[in-house]
Amino acid sequence: MSDKAVVDLNDIFPVKASVEDVQEKVAGWDVSPFKGKEVQLRGCSPTWAHLIVAGKLFGTAASVDFLMDDAKGGVSIPVFRK
């Protein structure tokens, strides 16, 4: 069992999803598989969508990073750490 996980936001909701659509999808999203893991968020979504997902993971994941410019190799930006 790995301590790290990658969440691609494109797998959760469409790139052009509205705030309401993202909030609805995330509300029903089971985050228990990420308990205690270091999670990296990636995907072609607005920053606010990454923050909504990070908020859902808060209290479950050990840490969350946002991978910016992942198509170019990426820059990992810490969102939170336990």
N, C-alpha and C. Protein backbone atom coordinates (compact mmCIF):
# COMPACT_ATOMS: atom_id res chain seq x y z
N MET A 1 0.85 -1.19 0.00
CA MET A 1 0.00 0.00 0.00
C MET A 1 0.89 1.25 0.00
N SER A 2 0.71 2.09 -0.96
CA SER A 2 1.54 3.28 -1.12
C SER A 2 1.04 4.41 -0.22
N ASP A 3 1.97 5.26 0.21
CA ASP A 3 1.62 6.43 0.99
C ASP A 3 1.30 7.62 0.11
N LYS A 4 1.43 7.44 -1.22
CA LYS A 4 1.21 8.54 -2.16
C LYS A 4 0.08 8.20 -3.13
N ALA A 5 -0.63 9.23 -3.55
CA ALA A 5 -1.72 9.05 -4.51
C ALA A 5 -1.81 10.28 -5.40
N VAL A 6 -2.22 10.06 -6.63
CA VAL A 6 -2.44 11.15 -7.58
C VAL A 6 -3.93 11.19 -7.89
N VAL A 7 -4.50 12.39 -7.83
CA VAL A 7 -5.89 12.59 -8.19
C VAL A 7 -5.91 13.51 -9.41
N ASP A 8 -6.40 12.99 -10.51
CA ASP A 8 -6.55 13.79 -11.72
C ASP A 8 -7.97 14.33 -11.75
N LEU A 9 -8.10 15.63 -11.61
CA LEU A 9 -9.42 16.24 -11.55
C LEU A 9 -10.23 15.99 -12.82
N ASN A 10 -9.55 15.75 -13.94
CA ASN A 10 -10.25 15.46 -15.19
C ASN A 10 -11.04 14.15 -15.09
N ASP A 11 -10.66 13.28 -14.15
CA ASP A 11 -11.39 12.02 -13.95
C ASP A 11 -12.63 12.20 -13.09
N ILE A 12 -12.73 13.34 -12.39
CA ILE A 12 -13.86 13.58 -11.49
C ILE A 12 -14.95 14.41 -12.14
N PHE A 13 -14.55 15.44 -12.89
CA PHE A 13 -15.53 16.32 -13.53
C PHE A 13 -14.92 16.92 -14.79
N PRO A 14 -15.77 17.39 -15.72
CA PRO A 14 -15.26 17.97 -16.97
C PRO A 14 -14.48 19.26 -16.73
N VAL A 15 -13.57 19.57 -17.63
CA VAL A 15 -12.73 20.76 -17.52
C VAL A 15 -13.56 22.03 -17.37
N LYS A 16 -14.64 22.14 -18.09
CA LYS A 16 -15.45 23.36 -18.08
C LYS A 16 -16.63 23.27 -17.11
N ALA A 17 -16.52 22.46 -16.07
CA ALA A 17 -17.60 22.32 -15.09
C ALA A 17 -17.79 23.63 -14.31
N SER A 18 -19.03 23.87 -13.90
CA SER A 18 -19.33 25.05 -13.09
C SER A 18 -18.97 24.77 -11.63
N VAL A 19 -18.93 25.83 -10.84
CA VAL A 19 -18.65 25.68 -9.41
C VAL A 19 -19.68 24.73 -8.78
N GLU A 20 -20.94 24.90 -9.15
CA GLU A 20 -22.00 24.05 -8.60
C GLU A 20 -21.79 22.59 -8.97
N ASP A 21 -21.41 22.33 -10.22
CA ASP A 21 -21.16 20.95 -10.67
C ASP A 21 -20.00 20.32 -9.88
N VAL A 22 -18.93 21.08 -9.71
CA VAL A 22 -17.77 20.57 -8.98
C VAL A 22 -18.15 20.30 -7.53
N GLN A 23 -18.84 21.23 -6.89
CA GLN A 23 -19.25 21.04 -5.50
C GLN A 23 -20.15 19.82 -5.35
N GLU A 24 -21.06 19.61 -6.30
CA GLU A 24 -21.96 18.45 -6.25
C GLU A 24 -21.18 17.14 -6.39
N LYS A 25 -20.27 17.08 -7.36
CA LYS A 25 -19.46 15.87 -7.56
C LYS A 25 -18.61 15.57 -6.33
N VAL A 26 -17.96 16.60 -5.79
CA VAL A 26 -17.06 16.43 -4.67
C VAL A 26 -17.83 16.05 -3.40
N ALA A 27 -19.03 16.56 -3.24
CA ALA A 27 -19.83 16.25 -2.05
C ALA A 27 -20.08 14.74 -1.93
N GLY A 28 -20.27 14.08 -3.04
CA GLY A 28 -20.54 12.64 -3.03
C GLY A 28 -19.32 11.78 -3.23
N TRP A 29 -18.14 12.37 -3.25
CA TRP A 29 -16.89 11.67 -3.53
C TRP A 29 -16.36 11.01 -2.25
N ASP A 30 -16.10 9.72 -2.32
CA ASP A 30 -15.56 8.97 -1.19
C ASP A 30 -14.05 9.17 -1.13
N VAL A 31 -13.59 9.87 -0.10
CA VAL A 31 -12.16 10.15 0.03
C VAL A 31 -11.45 9.17 0.97
N SER A 32 -12.18 8.17 1.47
CA SER A 32 -11.56 7.22 2.40
C SER A 32 -10.33 6.50 1.84
N PRO A 33 -10.24 6.24 0.52
CA PRO A 33 -9.02 5.61 0.01
C PRO A 33 -7.76 6.48 0.16
N PHE A 34 -7.93 7.76 0.47
CA PHE A 34 -6.80 8.68 0.59
C PHE A 34 -6.38 8.92 2.04
N LYS A 35 -6.98 8.18 2.97
CA LYS A 35 -6.68 8.37 4.39
C LYS A 35 -5.18 8.17 4.65
N GLY A 36 -4.56 9.21 5.23
CA GLY A 36 -3.16 9.15 5.59
C GLY A 36 -2.18 9.23 4.44
N LYS A 37 -2.66 9.43 3.23
CA LYS A 37 -1.77 9.47 2.07
C LYS A 37 -1.35 10.89 1.71
N GLU A 38 -0.22 10.97 1.03
CA GLU A 38 0.22 12.22 0.42
C GLU A 38 -0.44 12.27 -0.95
N VAL A 39 -1.28 13.27 -1.16
CA VAL A 39 -2.08 13.34 -2.39
C VAL A 39 -1.59 14.50 -3.25
N GLN A 40 -1.44 14.21 -4.54
CA GLN A 40 -1.06 15.24 -5.50
C GLN A 40 -2.24 15.45 -6.44
N LEU A 41 -2.71 16.69 -6.53
CA LEU A 41 -3.81 17.04 -7.42
C LEU A 41 -3.26 17.54 -8.74
N ARG A 42 -3.79 17.02 -9.82
CA ARG A 42 -3.40 17.49 -11.14
C ARG A 42 -4.63 17.53 -12.02
N GLY A 43 -4.47 18.09 -13.19
CA GLY A 43 -5.58 18.15 -14.14
C GLY A 43 -5.79 19.56 -14.64
N CYS A 44 -6.46 19.63 -15.74
CA CYS A 44 -6.70 20.91 -16.41
C CYS A 44 -8.01 21.49 -15.89
N SER A 45 -7.96 22.03 -14.70
CA SER A 45 -9.12 22.64 -14.06
C SER A 45 -8.69 23.96 -13.44
N PRO A 46 -9.65 24.86 -13.21
CA PRO A 46 -9.30 26.12 -12.57
C PRO A 46 -8.79 25.88 -11.14
N THR A 47 -8.03 26.83 -10.64
CA THR A 47 -7.48 26.71 -9.29
C THR A 47 -8.57 26.51 -8.26
N TRP A 48 -9.71 27.18 -8.42
CA TRP A 48 -10.79 27.04 -7.44
C TRP A 48 -11.28 25.59 -7.36
N ALA A 49 -11.25 24.86 -8.48
CA ALA A 49 -11.67 23.46 -8.47
C ALA A 49 -10.68 22.61 -7.66
N HIS A 50 -9.39 22.88 -7.82
CA HIS A 50 -8.38 22.18 -7.04
C HIS A 50 -8.58 22.45 -5.55
N LEU A 51 -8.93 23.68 -5.21
CA LEU A 51 -9.11 24.04 -3.81
C LEU A 51 -10.36 23.37 -3.21
N ILE A 52 -11.41 23.22 -3.99
CA ILE A 52 -12.60 22.52 -3.52
C ILE A 52 -12.25 21.06 -3.21
N VAL A 53 -11.51 20.44 -4.10
CA VAL A 53 -11.08 19.05 -3.90
C VAL A 53 -10.14 18.94 -2.70
N ALA A 54 -9.20 19.87 -2.58
CA ALA A 54 -8.28 19.86 -1.44
C ALA A 54 -9.05 20.00 -0.13
N GLY A 55 -10.08 20.85 -0.14
CA GLY A 55 -10.90 21.02 1.06
C GLY A 55 -11.60 19.73 1.46
N LYS A 56 -12.04 18.96 0.48
CA LYS A 56 -12.67 17.68 0.77
C LYS A 56 -11.66 16.69 1.37
N LEU A 57 -10.42 16.77 0.93
CA LEU A 57 -9.37 15.87 1.42
C LEU A 57 -8.81 16.27 2.78
N PHE A 58 -9.02 17.52 3.17
CA PHE A 58 -8.51 18.02 4.45
C PHE A 58 -9.08 17.19 5.59
N GLY A 59 -8.22 16.75 6.47
CA GLY A 59 -8.65 15.91 7.58
C GLY A 59 -8.60 14.43 7.28
N THR A 60 -8.44 14.08 6.01
CA THR A 60 -8.33 12.67 5.60
C THR A 60 -6.92 12.38 5.11
N ALA A 61 -6.47 13.15 4.14
CA ALA A 61 -5.12 12.97 3.57
C ALA A 61 -4.07 13.52 4.53
N ALA A 62 -2.87 12.96 4.46
CA ALA A 62 -1.76 13.48 5.27
C ALA A 62 -1.26 14.81 4.71
N SER A 63 -1.35 14.96 3.40
CA SER A 63 -0.94 16.20 2.75
C SER A 63 -1.58 16.26 1.37
N VAL A 64 -1.65 17.48 0.85
CA VAL A 64 -2.14 17.69 -0.51
C VAL A 64 -1.24 18.71 -1.18
N ASP A 65 -0.80 18.37 -2.39
CA ASP A 65 -0.03 19.28 -3.24
C ASP A 65 -0.81 19.51 -4.52
N PHE A 66 -0.64 20.68 -5.08
CA PHE A 66 -1.23 21.05 -6.35
C PHE A 66 -0.11 21.03 -7.38
N LEU A 67 -0.26 20.24 -8.43
CA LEU A 67 0.75 20.18 -9.47
C LEU A 67 0.40 21.19 -10.56
N MET A 68 1.16 22.27 -10.61
CA MET A 68 0.94 23.33 -11.58
C MET A 68 1.75 23.04 -12.83
N ASP A 69 1.18 23.29 -13.99
CA ASP A 69 1.86 23.07 -15.28
C ASP A 69 2.35 21.64 -15.42
N ASP A 70 1.48 20.67 -15.09
CA ASP A 70 1.89 19.27 -15.14
C ASP A 70 2.27 18.80 -16.54
N ALA A 71 1.76 19.47 -17.58
CA ALA A 71 2.12 19.10 -18.95
C ALA A 71 3.58 19.46 -19.25
N LYS A 72 4.14 20.37 -18.47
CA LYS A 72 5.52 20.81 -18.68
C LYS A 72 6.47 20.20 -17.66
N GLY A 73 6.06 19.16 -16.99
CA GLY A 73 6.90 18.53 -15.98
C GLY A 73 6.44 18.85 -14.57
N GLY A 74 5.80 19.98 -14.41
CA GLY A 74 5.14 20.32 -13.16
C GLY A 74 5.97 20.97 -12.09
N VAL A 75 5.30 21.79 -11.34
CA VAL A 75 5.84 22.42 -10.14
C VAL A 75 4.87 22.06 -9.02
N SER A 76 5.35 21.40 -8.00
CA SER A 76 4.50 20.96 -6.91
C SER A 76 4.37 22.08 -5.88
N ILE A 77 3.13 22.49 -5.59
CA ILE A 77 2.85 23.55 -4.63
C ILE A 77 2.09 22.94 -3.46
N PRO A 78 2.65 22.98 -2.26
CA PRO A 78 1.96 22.43 -1.09
C PRO A 78 0.69 23.22 -0.78
N VAL A 79 -0.40 22.51 -0.53
CA VAL A 79 -1.65 23.13 -0.12
C VAL A 79 -1.79 22.98 1.39
N PHE A 80 -1.58 21.78 1.92
CA PHE A 80 -1.54 21.57 3.36
C PHE A 80 -0.75 20.32 3.71
N ARG A 81 -0.30 20.29 4.96
CA ARG A 81 0.42 19.15 5.53
C ARG A 81 -0.13 18.94 6.94
N LYS A 82 -0.20 17.68 7.38
CA LYS A 82 -0.60 17.39 8.76
C LYS A 82 0.60 17.53 9.65
